[in-house]
Amino acid sequence: MKMSYAELQNKPRILQSLTGIKVDEFETLLDSFATAWATFVAETFQREGRKRAYGGGRKTRLRTLEDKLLFILVYFRLYPTQEVQGFLFEMGQAQAHEWVHRLSGVLHQALGYERQLPEREPAKLAAVLDTCPSLEFLIDGTERPINRPKDKADRQTYYSGKRKAHTVKNNIISERGGKVLFLSDTYEGKKHDKKIADEEDYPFPDGSTLWQDTGFQGFAPAGVTIQQPKKKPRKADLTDEEKERNRQISKVRVEIEHQIGGIKRCQIVVQKFRNWVDHYVDDVMETACGLHNFRLTHRQRKATERPEVA
């Protein structure tokens, strides 16, 4: 039996397990997804000079917008092989491959319409951070496994001594109590978190507080108060006061670990990455951040709208 939204919308727990979002969140995202799909159709299938009208030829298995959105959310959430993805939606592997890359762009654009995508340009970061009233931010790096490169030089470049595997890496900046605000470019796993931060040269508003781990030792932008655990000295111990301060910092820093955990609800950024289409390894991370932000924003909004119990 083909997987369809018509069947799953009455099974909310299964829908959430398959897509990572609830039924009401699905319906909200569907509006922006419809706009993004209409733009894609206009630019791709209704261009001047096209000989066959849009809708001609064999009929697609994904006939409704709901099923198109379901298809790509399932792929991001579960990351099955394209053979399995095709089986779930009654199509061949080649068709599944085409739909995956077609709908990935549409989903990304829909999240852009929802204003949930993180900033990617360091030069624009200060303007984004300046809108946050608390001026308290968290930074951390995260790695993702990839298939072992065939080229020997690439194997050395992408080998992460930390993960003992071939990986790619991103830095993430979030607001305390808020969503992911910035996502760095995707780098080879060999590159250090601090080196990425130094090269991208993140600007922060004056008076900001930045919570970071020891992987960013020495990263101290001008006008920013750095909150970072103290490393244990060689052949010495931390004092009780230093240990307590480290614990207090860790209680705050755990927020960004939760943010990364939310992003990695999408198994496409957890499992060993198999796709070889150019830039797709970077694109999926941005979309996964957008899905996390969308889910977080939607649930925070619902919490504020919930009536108080007398």
Protein backbone atom coordinates (compact mmCIF):
# COMPACT_ATOMS: atom_id res chain seq x y z
CA MET A 1 0.00 0.00 0.00
CA LYS A 2 1.31 3.44 -0.96
CA MET A 3 2.05 5.82 1.92
CA SER A 4 -0.21 8.87 1.76
CA TYR A 5 -1.12 11.86 3.88
CA ALA A 6 -4.84 11.09 3.54
CA GLU A 7 -4.29 7.93 5.56
CA LEU A 8 -1.73 9.30 8.03
CA GLN A 9 -3.48 12.53 9.03
CA ASN A 10 -5.79 10.48 11.24
CA LYS A 11 -2.79 8.73 12.82
CA PRO A 12 -0.97 11.67 14.41
CA ARG A 13 1.59 9.66 16.37
CA ILE A 14 2.66 7.70 13.32
CA LEU A 15 2.79 10.87 11.20
CA GLN A 16 5.02 12.55 13.78
CA SER A 17 7.30 9.51 13.92
CA LEU A 18 7.62 9.49 10.14
CA THR A 19 8.08 13.23 9.59
CA GLY A 20 9.24 14.73 12.90
CA ILE A 21 6.35 17.23 12.98
CA LYS A 22 2.77 17.17 14.24
CA VAL A 23 -0.38 17.31 12.12
CA ASP A 24 -1.04 21.01 12.82
CA GLU A 25 2.60 21.83 12.04
CA PHE A 26 2.32 19.87 8.80
CA GLU A 27 -0.77 21.87 7.82
CA THR A 28 0.98 25.16 8.63
CA LEU A 29 4.07 24.29 6.61
CA LEU A 30 1.88 23.09 3.73
CA ASP A 31 0.80 26.67 2.92
CA SER A 32 4.37 27.84 2.33
CA PHE A 33 5.21 24.56 0.58
CA ALA A 34 2.34 25.18 -1.87
CA THR A 35 3.70 28.64 -2.67
CA ALA A 36 7.21 27.26 -3.15
CA TRP A 37 5.89 24.46 -5.41
CA ALA A 38 3.95 26.94 -7.54
CA THR A 39 7.14 28.99 -7.98
CA PHE A 40 9.08 25.85 -8.93
CA VAL A 41 6.45 24.85 -11.51
CA ALA A 42 6.38 28.33 -13.03
CA GLU A 43 10.16 28.45 -13.38
CA THR A 44 10.64 24.87 -14.54
CA PHE A 45 7.57 23.63 -16.42
CA GLN A 46 5.89 26.80 -17.65
CA ARG A 47 8.88 28.50 -19.19
CA GLU A 48 8.65 30.03 -22.64
CA GLY A 49 9.42 27.57 -25.43
CA ARG A 50 8.43 24.43 -23.55
CA LYS A 51 6.66 22.10 -25.98
CA ARG A 52 4.58 20.02 -23.57
CA ALA A 53 2.15 21.64 -21.15
CA TYR A 54 2.61 21.07 -17.43
CA GLY A 55 0.66 17.97 -16.41
CA GLY A 56 1.15 16.14 -19.71
CA GLY A 57 2.68 12.69 -19.98
CA ARG A 58 2.41 9.91 -17.40
CA LYS A 59 0.77 10.71 -14.08
CA THR A 60 2.96 11.12 -11.03
CA ARG A 61 2.58 8.97 -7.93
CA LEU A 62 2.74 12.15 -5.83
CA ARG A 63 -0.43 13.78 -7.08
CA THR A 64 -1.27 16.01 -4.11
CA LEU A 65 0.80 18.68 -2.42
CA GLU A 66 0.28 16.86 0.86
CA ASP A 67 1.91 13.71 -0.53
CA LYS A 68 4.79 15.71 -1.98
CA LEU A 69 5.48 17.31 1.41
CA LEU A 70 5.08 13.94 3.15
CA PHE A 71 7.55 12.36 0.71
CA ILE A 72 10.38 14.79 1.39
CA LEU A 73 9.77 15.01 5.15
CA VAL A 74 9.91 11.22 5.43
CA TYR A 75 13.18 11.23 3.48
CA PHE A 76 14.76 13.82 5.77
CA ARG A 77 13.42 12.22 8.95
CA LEU A 78 14.28 8.57 8.21
CA TYR A 79 16.89 8.82 5.41
CA PRO A 80 16.06 5.45 3.81
CA THR A 81 17.84 4.30 0.68
CA GLN A 82 16.17 5.60 -2.46
CA GLU A 83 15.05 2.06 -3.29
CA VAL A 84 13.16 1.92 0.01
CA GLN A 85 11.84 5.47 -0.42
CA GLY A 86 10.53 4.49 -3.85
CA PHE A 87 8.91 1.34 -2.44
CA LEU A 88 7.09 3.34 0.23
CA PHE A 89 5.61 5.66 -2.40
CA GLU A 90 5.17 3.08 -5.21
CA MET A 91 7.84 4.33 -7.60
CA GLY A 92 11.20 3.20 -8.88
CA GLN A 93 14.59 4.23 -7.53
CA ALA A 94 15.23 6.60 -10.45
CA GLN A 95 11.94 8.40 -9.85
CA ALA A 96 12.62 8.57 -6.12
CA HIS A 97 16.04 10.12 -6.81
CA GLU A 98 14.47 12.76 -9.06
CA TRP A 99 11.76 13.62 -6.52
CA VAL A 100 14.22 13.77 -3.61
CA HIS A 101 16.30 16.48 -5.23
CA ARG A 102 13.33 18.29 -6.73
CA LEU A 103 11.41 18.49 -3.46
CA SER A 104 14.47 19.21 -1.30
CA GLY A 105 14.72 22.60 -2.99
CA VAL A 106 10.99 23.23 -2.62
CA LEU A 107 11.08 22.38 1.10
CA HIS A 108 14.09 24.65 1.57
CA GLN A 109 12.29 27.52 -0.13
CA ALA A 110 9.15 26.90 1.94
CA LEU A 111 11.18 27.19 5.15
CA GLY A 112 12.62 30.41 3.73
CA TYR A 113 9.10 31.76 3.30
CA GLU A 114 8.47 30.80 6.95
CA ARG A 115 11.62 32.77 7.89
CA GLN A 116 13.10 29.76 9.68
CA LEU A 117 16.38 29.27 7.81
CA PRO A 118 19.60 30.26 9.62
CA GLU A 119 21.82 33.04 8.29
CA ARG A 120 24.75 31.72 6.22
CA GLU A 121 26.75 34.90 5.50
CA PRO A 122 29.09 35.98 8.33
CA ALA A 123 28.99 39.57 7.04
CA LYS A 124 25.24 39.68 7.77
CA LEU A 125 25.48 37.97 11.15
CA ALA A 126 25.80 41.10 13.31
CA ALA A 127 22.53 42.51 11.97
CA VAL A 128 20.76 39.21 12.79
CA LEU A 129 22.22 38.99 16.30
CA ASP A 130 21.47 42.64 17.03
CA THR A 131 17.72 41.88 16.93
CA CYS A 132 18.05 39.51 19.90
CA PRO A 133 17.23 41.46 23.09
CA SER A 134 19.23 39.28 25.48
CA LEU A 135 22.48 39.52 23.47
CA GLU A 136 23.40 36.10 24.89
CA PHE A 137 24.53 33.52 22.36
CA LEU A 138 25.90 30.00 22.24
CA ILE A 139 28.35 28.55 19.72
CA ASP A 140 29.34 24.95 19.05
CA GLY A 141 30.55 22.71 16.26
CA THR A 142 28.90 19.53 15.03
CA GLU A 143 30.17 16.74 12.79
CA ARG A 144 28.39 14.39 10.40
CA PRO A 145 29.73 11.13 8.94
CA ILE A 146 30.15 10.70 5.19
CA ASN A 147 31.13 7.77 3.00
CA ARG A 148 34.84 7.09 2.74
CA PRO A 149 36.15 9.18 -0.20
CA LYS A 150 37.76 7.24 -3.05
CA ASP A 151 40.55 9.78 -3.52
CA LYS A 152 43.48 9.32 -1.11
CA ALA A 153 43.97 13.07 -0.57
CA ASP A 154 40.28 13.49 0.18
CA ARG A 155 40.43 10.62 2.65
CA GLN A 156 43.12 12.44 4.60
CA THR A 157 41.27 15.76 4.41
CA TYR A 158 37.92 14.43 5.59
CA TYR A 159 39.29 12.08 8.25
CA SER A 160 38.37 13.34 11.71
CA GLY A 161 40.78 12.35 14.43
CA LYS A 162 38.05 13.14 16.95
CA ARG A 163 35.41 10.88 15.40
CA LYS A 164 37.82 8.32 13.90
CA ALA A 165 35.80 8.49 10.70
CA HIS A 166 35.38 10.59 7.56
CA THR A 167 33.19 13.56 8.40
CA VAL A 168 32.06 17.07 7.51
CA LYS A 169 31.65 19.84 10.05
CA ASN A 170 29.61 23.01 10.71
CA ASN A 171 29.62 25.68 13.41
CA ILE A 172 26.26 26.73 14.83
CA ILE A 173 25.29 29.90 16.70
CA SER A 174 22.01 30.11 18.60
CA GLU A 175 20.31 32.55 20.95
CA ARG A 176 19.77 31.54 24.57
CA GLY A 177 16.26 30.20 24.77
CA GLY A 178 15.80 30.75 21.03
CA LYS A 179 16.46 29.10 17.72
CA VAL A 180 19.49 28.50 15.51
CA LEU A 181 20.52 31.88 14.10
CA PHE A 182 23.61 31.02 12.06
CA LEU A 183 25.06 28.01 10.26
CA SER A 184 28.59 28.10 8.91
CA ASP A 185 29.70 26.66 5.60
CA THR A 186 30.31 22.92 5.56
CA TYR A 187 33.98 22.03 6.06
CA GLU A 188 36.06 18.88 6.03
CA GLY A 189 36.10 16.99 9.33
CA LYS A 190 39.82 17.58 9.81
CA LYS A 191 39.25 21.31 10.36
CA HIS A 192 39.11 22.61 13.93
CA ASP A 193 36.01 24.43 15.25
CA LYS A 194 38.03 27.49 16.26
CA LYS A 195 39.80 27.67 12.90
CA ILE A 196 36.43 27.79 11.16
CA ALA A 197 35.33 30.58 13.51
CA ASP A 198 38.56 32.52 12.92
CA GLU A 199 38.33 32.23 9.13
CA GLU A 200 34.66 33.20 8.98
CA ASP A 201 35.32 36.03 11.49
CA TYR A 202 31.94 36.17 13.22
CA PRO A 203 30.93 39.71 14.24
CA PHE A 204 28.93 40.08 17.46
CA PRO A 205 27.16 43.20 18.76
CA ASP A 206 29.03 45.08 21.49
CA GLY A 207 27.99 43.94 24.94
CA SER A 208 27.19 40.39 23.84
CA THR A 209 27.87 37.33 25.98
CA LEU A 210 29.10 34.21 24.17
CA TRP A 211 28.94 30.78 25.78
CA GLN A 212 31.40 28.33 24.23
CA ASP A 213 33.30 25.14 25.04
CA THR A 214 37.04 24.59 25.23
CA GLY A 215 37.13 23.72 21.53
CA PHE A 216 37.01 27.49 20.94
CA GLN A 217 39.89 28.25 23.31
CA GLY A 218 41.32 31.64 22.29
CA PHE A 219 38.28 32.74 20.27
CA ALA A 220 37.39 36.14 21.73
CA PRO A 221 35.66 38.66 19.41
CA ALA A 222 36.03 42.32 20.40
CA GLY A 223 33.39 43.69 22.76
CA VAL A 224 32.15 40.23 23.74
CA THR A 225 32.17 38.61 27.20
CA ILE A 226 33.30 34.99 26.85
CA GLN A 227 31.90 32.32 29.16
CA GLN A 228 33.97 29.15 28.80
CA PRO A 229 34.85 26.25 31.12
CA LYS A 230 38.38 26.24 32.46
CA LYS A 231 40.60 23.38 31.33
CA LYS A 232 42.24 21.18 33.94
CA PRO A 233 45.89 22.24 34.23
CA ARG A 234 48.56 19.69 33.43
CA LYS A 235 49.69 17.82 36.56
CA ALA A 236 47.27 19.83 38.71
CA ASP A 237 43.60 19.89 39.70
CA LEU A 238 40.92 22.52 39.41
CA THR A 239 39.84 24.18 42.62
CA ASP A 240 36.37 23.57 44.01
CA GLU A 241 35.38 27.10 42.92
CA GLU A 242 36.61 26.44 39.37
CA LYS A 243 34.73 23.15 39.23
CA GLU A 244 31.55 24.83 40.41
CA ARG A 245 31.92 27.60 37.82
CA ASN A 246 32.43 24.98 35.09
CA ARG A 247 29.22 23.26 36.20
CA GLN A 248 27.28 26.52 36.03
CA ILE A 249 28.60 27.23 32.53
CA SER A 250 27.72 23.69 31.44
CA LYS A 251 24.15 24.19 32.66
CA VAL A 252 23.80 27.04 30.18
CA ARG A 253 25.80 25.47 27.35
CA VAL A 254 23.61 22.36 27.36
CA GLU A 255 21.02 24.47 25.50
CA ILE A 256 23.01 24.32 22.28
CA GLU A 257 23.40 20.56 22.68
CA HIS A 258 19.61 20.40 22.77
CA GLN A 259 19.49 22.57 19.64
CA ILE A 260 21.86 20.21 17.82
CA GLY A 261 19.76 17.28 19.04
CA GLY A 262 16.68 18.95 17.55
CA ILE A 263 18.45 19.42 14.22
CA LYS A 264 19.52 15.80 14.26
CA ARG A 265 15.99 14.52 14.51
CA CYS A 266 16.52 14.45 10.77
CA GLN A 267 18.42 11.22 10.20
CA ILE A 268 19.80 12.63 6.96
CA VAL A 269 22.30 14.60 9.10
CA VAL A 270 22.98 11.70 11.47
CA GLN A 271 23.53 8.64 9.31
CA LYS A 272 26.50 8.24 7.00
CA PHE A 273 25.76 10.60 4.10
CA ARG A 274 25.36 8.72 0.81
CA ASN A 275 24.36 11.39 -1.73
CA TRP A 276 26.96 12.69 -4.18
CA VAL A 277 25.07 15.59 -5.77
CA ASP A 278 27.16 18.78 -5.52
CA HIS A 279 26.44 20.95 -2.45
CA TYR A 280 23.67 18.62 -1.22
CA VAL A 281 25.63 17.75 1.93
CA ASP A 282 25.54 21.46 2.84
CA ASP A 283 21.96 22.06 1.69
CA VAL A 284 20.46 19.31 3.86
CA MET A 285 22.07 20.71 7.01
CA GLU A 286 20.56 24.13 6.36
CA THR A 287 17.14 22.57 5.74
CA ALA A 288 17.43 20.44 8.90
CA CYS A 289 18.17 23.64 10.89
CA GLY A 290 15.13 25.25 9.29
CA LEU A 291 12.90 22.31 10.23
CA HIS A 292 14.14 22.50 13.83
CA ASN A 293 13.52 26.26 13.95
CA PHE A 294 10.07 25.83 12.42
CA ARG A 295 9.11 23.19 14.96
CA LEU A 296 10.49 25.21 17.88
CA THR A 297 8.82 28.46 16.80
CA HIS A 298 5.47 26.78 16.22
CA ARG A 299 5.48 25.09 19.64
CA GLN A 300 6.62 28.22 21.48
CA ARG A 301 3.83 30.17 19.80
CA LYS A 302 1.25 27.58 20.83
CA ALA A 303 2.53 27.66 24.41
CA THR A 304 2.06 31.44 24.62
CA GLU A 305 -1.43 31.20 23.14
CA ARG A 306 -2.54 28.49 25.58
CA PRO A 307 -5.13 29.94 28.01
CA GLU A 308 -4.12 30.02 31.68
CA VAL A 309 -5.91 27.65 34.02
CA ALA A 310 -7.79 29.53 36.75
